[in-house]
Amino acid sequence: MNRRSVAARDGIFNAGLALLLISFLASAAFSQRADHLTDEEIELIRDEQAVDDRMDIYTRAIERRLIAIQGTGSLSKDDLKRLEKETEKWGELPEGSPSELYSDIYRILDEAVNKIEDVADRNAESKLFPFAVHILADYSRALVPRLEALKSKTASAREIALLNDSIGQCNDIIEASSKVDKPDPKDRKKAKKEAAKLST
């Protein structure tokens, strides 16, 4: 085999090895971000069966990602205290690049919607269903302008696309909520008691 053939063979081998290494690293990176929720958040959701309370967890999970993206510098003293106090229960703030955290936000919104749809399919008469819908919708209304502000500060096409996906999801949630009568927040405890009786 002449030198040119050997060099060509070695070049193909090295290129193949490089592609294999890149594939492995990409796979490892993806596996690290396979979950859009932290272990602590997953545990909180698993432990809380009431759909309205699950919405509170989802919205707080999104809030923690916004804090991770923007930093704690703009938080009030009360917000900083809350963040410090909840660390034991919620764990540290989620880590990741802005793109990864924006992807988390969309996937959390999507999971929250799926949980509500599950309740609607299994128990359309659930007393907690309208509370869950409007907890998520009210949060979505407040979230949209914040996502728009973040979008105006990035030049990344990927980040803009991810933010647009979440904004679209929020708008869908808001639109869907218009078809569900909004309950009085004062009646939430009563609804929870009634739901607990029905589940026993």
Protein backbone atom coordinates (compact mmCIF):
# COMPACT_ATOMS: atom_id res chain seq x y z
CA MET A 1 0.00 0.00 0.00
CA ASN A 2 1.54 3.36 -1.00
CA ARG A 3 1.85 6.36 1.29
CA ARG A 4 -1.09 8.15 -0.33
CA SER A 5 -3.39 5.18 0.33
CA VAL A 6 -2.21 4.90 3.91
CA ALA A 7 -2.77 8.61 4.46
CA ALA A 8 -6.26 8.41 2.95
CA ARG A 9 -7.10 5.40 5.10
CA ASP A 10 -5.83 7.14 8.23
CA GLY A 11 -7.77 10.28 7.30
CA ILE A 12 -11.03 8.35 6.95
CA PHE A 13 -10.37 6.57 10.25
CA ASN A 14 -9.64 9.84 12.07
CA ALA A 15 -12.73 11.49 10.58
CA GLY A 16 -14.86 8.54 11.63
CA LEU A 17 -13.39 8.66 15.13
CA ALA A 18 -14.08 12.40 15.35
CA LEU A 19 -17.71 11.93 14.26
CA LEU A 20 -18.13 9.16 16.81
CA LEU A 21 -16.71 11.39 19.55
CA ILE A 22 -18.95 14.31 18.54
CA SER A 23 -21.97 11.99 18.51
CA PHE A 24 -21.08 10.70 21.97
CA LEU A 25 -20.61 14.18 23.40
CA ALA A 26 -23.88 15.39 21.86
CA SER A 27 -25.68 12.37 23.30
CA ALA A 28 -24.17 13.01 26.73
CA ALA A 29 -25.15 16.68 26.59
CA PHE A 30 -28.72 15.77 25.63
CA SER A 31 -29.00 13.21 28.39
CA GLN A 32 -27.94 15.82 30.93
CA ARG A 33 -30.92 17.97 29.87
CA ALA A 34 -33.37 15.15 29.28
CA ASP A 35 -35.53 16.38 32.16
CA HIS A 36 -37.08 19.83 32.06
CA LEU A 37 -37.68 19.64 35.82
CA THR A 38 -35.15 19.09 38.59
CA ASP A 39 -35.31 15.98 40.76
CA GLU A 40 -36.75 18.05 43.60
CA GLU A 41 -39.45 19.54 41.38
CA ILE A 42 -40.40 16.12 40.05
CA GLU A 43 -40.72 14.89 43.62
CA LEU A 44 -42.90 17.86 44.61
CA ILE A 45 -45.26 17.21 41.70
CA ARG A 46 -45.35 13.49 42.43
CA ASP A 47 -46.23 14.13 46.07
CA GLU A 48 -48.97 16.66 45.22
CA GLN A 49 -51.99 15.06 43.56
CA ALA A 50 -54.32 18.09 43.56
CA VAL A 51 -54.23 19.62 40.09
CA ASP A 52 -54.54 23.21 41.32
CA ASP A 53 -51.57 22.79 43.66
CA ARG A 54 -49.59 21.21 40.84
CA MET A 55 -50.14 24.39 38.83
CA ASP A 56 -48.59 26.37 41.68
CA ILE A 57 -45.53 24.10 41.47
CA TYR A 58 -45.26 24.42 37.70
CA THR A 59 -45.51 28.20 37.78
CA ARG A 60 -42.91 28.44 40.55
CA ALA A 61 -40.62 26.12 38.57
CA ILE A 62 -40.85 28.53 35.63
CA GLU A 63 -40.20 31.47 37.94
CA ARG A 64 -37.02 29.81 39.22
CA ARG A 65 -35.74 29.45 35.65
CA LEU A 66 -36.37 33.13 35.00
CA ILE A 67 -34.38 33.94 38.13
CA ALA A 68 -31.58 31.64 36.95
CA ILE A 69 -31.52 33.44 33.58
CA GLN A 70 -31.73 37.01 34.90
CA GLY A 71 -29.82 36.60 38.16
CA THR A 72 -30.85 37.49 41.69
CA GLY A 73 -29.65 41.10 41.55
CA SER A 74 -33.10 42.52 40.82
CA LEU A 75 -34.92 40.49 43.48
CA SER A 76 -36.41 42.22 46.53
CA LYS A 77 -35.29 41.28 50.02
CA ASP A 78 -38.50 39.30 50.50
CA ASP A 79 -37.94 37.39 47.24
CA LEU A 80 -34.35 36.63 48.23
CA LYS A 81 -35.53 35.34 51.61
CA ARG A 82 -38.13 33.15 49.92
CA LEU A 83 -35.51 31.79 47.55
CA GLU A 84 -33.15 30.98 50.40
CA LYS A 85 -35.92 29.44 52.49
CA GLU A 86 -37.19 27.16 49.73
CA THR A 87 -33.75 25.79 48.79
CA GLU A 88 -34.06 22.82 51.13
CA LYS A 89 -37.38 21.79 49.58
CA TRP A 90 -36.79 22.85 45.97
CA GLY A 91 -33.02 22.46 45.72
CA GLU A 92 -30.67 24.96 44.12
CA LEU A 93 -31.76 27.06 41.16
CA PRO A 94 -31.75 25.05 37.91
CA GLU A 95 -28.62 25.34 35.82
CA GLY A 96 -28.19 25.59 32.07
CA SER A 97 -27.68 27.95 29.18
CA PRO A 98 -30.45 30.46 28.38
CA SER A 99 -31.52 28.24 25.46
CA GLU A 100 -31.79 25.22 27.75
CA LEU A 101 -33.75 27.14 30.37
CA TYR A 102 -36.07 28.65 27.74
CA SER A 103 -36.68 25.13 26.46
CA ASP A 104 -37.47 24.07 30.04
CA ILE A 105 -40.08 26.84 30.32
CA TYR A 106 -41.90 25.70 27.19
CA ARG A 107 -41.82 22.05 28.27
CA ILE A 108 -43.07 22.92 31.76
CA LEU A 109 -45.99 24.87 30.29
CA ASP A 110 -46.72 21.92 28.00
CA GLU A 111 -46.67 19.45 30.88
CA ALA A 112 -48.95 21.69 32.95
CA VAL A 113 -51.46 21.82 30.09
CA ASN A 114 -51.30 18.03 29.73
CA LYS A 115 -52.04 17.58 33.44
CA ILE A 116 -55.10 19.80 33.18
CA GLU A 117 -56.27 17.92 30.07
CA ASP A 118 -55.84 14.62 31.93
CA VAL A 119 -58.16 15.88 34.67
CA ALA A 120 -60.70 17.08 32.09
CA ASP A 121 -60.65 13.65 30.42
CA ARG A 122 -60.91 11.64 33.62
CA ASN A 123 -63.14 13.88 35.70
CA ALA A 124 -64.77 16.76 33.83
CA GLU A 125 -66.78 17.66 36.95
CA SER A 126 -63.68 18.15 39.10
CA LYS A 127 -64.16 21.06 41.49
CA LEU A 128 -60.45 21.88 41.21
CA PHE A 129 -60.33 21.94 37.41
CA PRO A 130 -61.40 25.61 36.96
CA PHE A 131 -58.97 26.74 39.66
CA ALA A 132 -56.12 24.92 37.92
CA VAL A 133 -57.03 26.43 34.54
CA HIS A 134 -57.10 29.98 35.84
CA ILE A 135 -53.98 29.66 38.00
CA LEU A 136 -52.08 28.74 34.85
CA ALA A 137 -53.89 31.33 32.70
CA ASP A 138 -53.32 34.19 35.15
CA TYR A 139 -49.65 33.30 35.35
CA SER A 140 -49.46 33.10 31.54
CA ARG A 141 -50.87 36.63 31.23
CA ALA A 142 -48.12 37.94 33.50
CA LEU A 143 -45.47 35.79 31.81
CA VAL A 144 -46.02 36.92 28.20
CA PRO A 145 -44.64 40.49 28.58
CA ARG A 146 -41.64 39.14 30.51
CA LEU A 147 -40.86 36.68 27.74
CA GLU A 148 -41.31 39.45 25.15
CA ALA A 149 -38.80 41.58 27.08
CA LEU A 150 -36.28 38.73 27.12
CA LYS A 151 -36.82 38.22 23.38
CA SER A 152 -35.96 41.87 22.69
CA LYS A 153 -32.60 41.42 24.45
CA THR A 154 -31.28 38.43 22.50
CA ALA A 155 -29.94 38.10 18.98
CA SER A 156 -29.95 34.30 19.12
CA ALA A 157 -32.37 32.84 16.57
CA ARG A 158 -32.72 29.70 18.69
CA GLU A 159 -33.56 31.66 21.85
CA ILE A 160 -36.07 33.82 19.95
CA ALA A 161 -37.74 30.69 18.54
CA LEU A 162 -37.94 29.08 21.97
CA LEU A 163 -39.40 32.23 23.52
CA ASN A 164 -41.94 32.50 20.69
CA ASP A 165 -42.98 28.90 21.35
CA SER A 166 -43.62 29.69 25.02
CA ILE A 167 -45.46 32.91 24.19
CA GLY A 168 -47.66 30.97 21.79
CA GLN A 169 -48.31 28.35 24.47
CA CYS A 170 -49.26 31.09 26.96
CA ASN A 171 -51.67 32.65 24.48
CA ASP A 172 -53.29 29.26 23.84
CA ILE A 173 -53.71 28.77 27.61
CA ILE A 174 -55.25 32.22 28.00
CA GLU A 175 -57.65 31.61 25.11
CA ALA A 176 -58.69 28.21 26.47
CA SER A 177 -59.33 29.68 29.92
CA SER A 178 -61.98 32.01 28.45
CA LYS A 179 -64.18 28.95 27.99
CA VAL A 180 -64.00 28.07 31.69
CA ASP A 181 -65.85 30.17 34.26
CA LYS A 182 -63.38 31.76 36.64
CA PRO A 183 -64.06 30.69 40.23
CA ASP A 184 -63.71 32.92 43.25
CA PRO A 185 -60.27 32.28 44.83
CA LYS A 186 -61.99 32.36 48.23
CA ASP A 187 -63.83 29.15 47.29
CA ARG A 188 -60.64 27.20 46.64
CA LYS A 189 -60.38 25.72 50.13
CA LYS A 190 -64.00 24.61 50.02
CA ALA A 191 -63.45 23.01 46.60
CA LYS A 192 -60.40 21.18 47.91
CA LYS A 193 -62.41 19.76 50.82
CA GLU A 194 -65.14 18.59 48.47
CA ALA A 195 -62.59 17.02 46.14
CA ALA A 196 -60.93 15.25 49.07
CA LYS A 197 -64.27 13.78 50.16
CA LEU A 198 -64.98 12.48 46.66
CA SER A 199 -61.57 10.82 46.44
CA THR A 200 -62.00 8.85 49.69
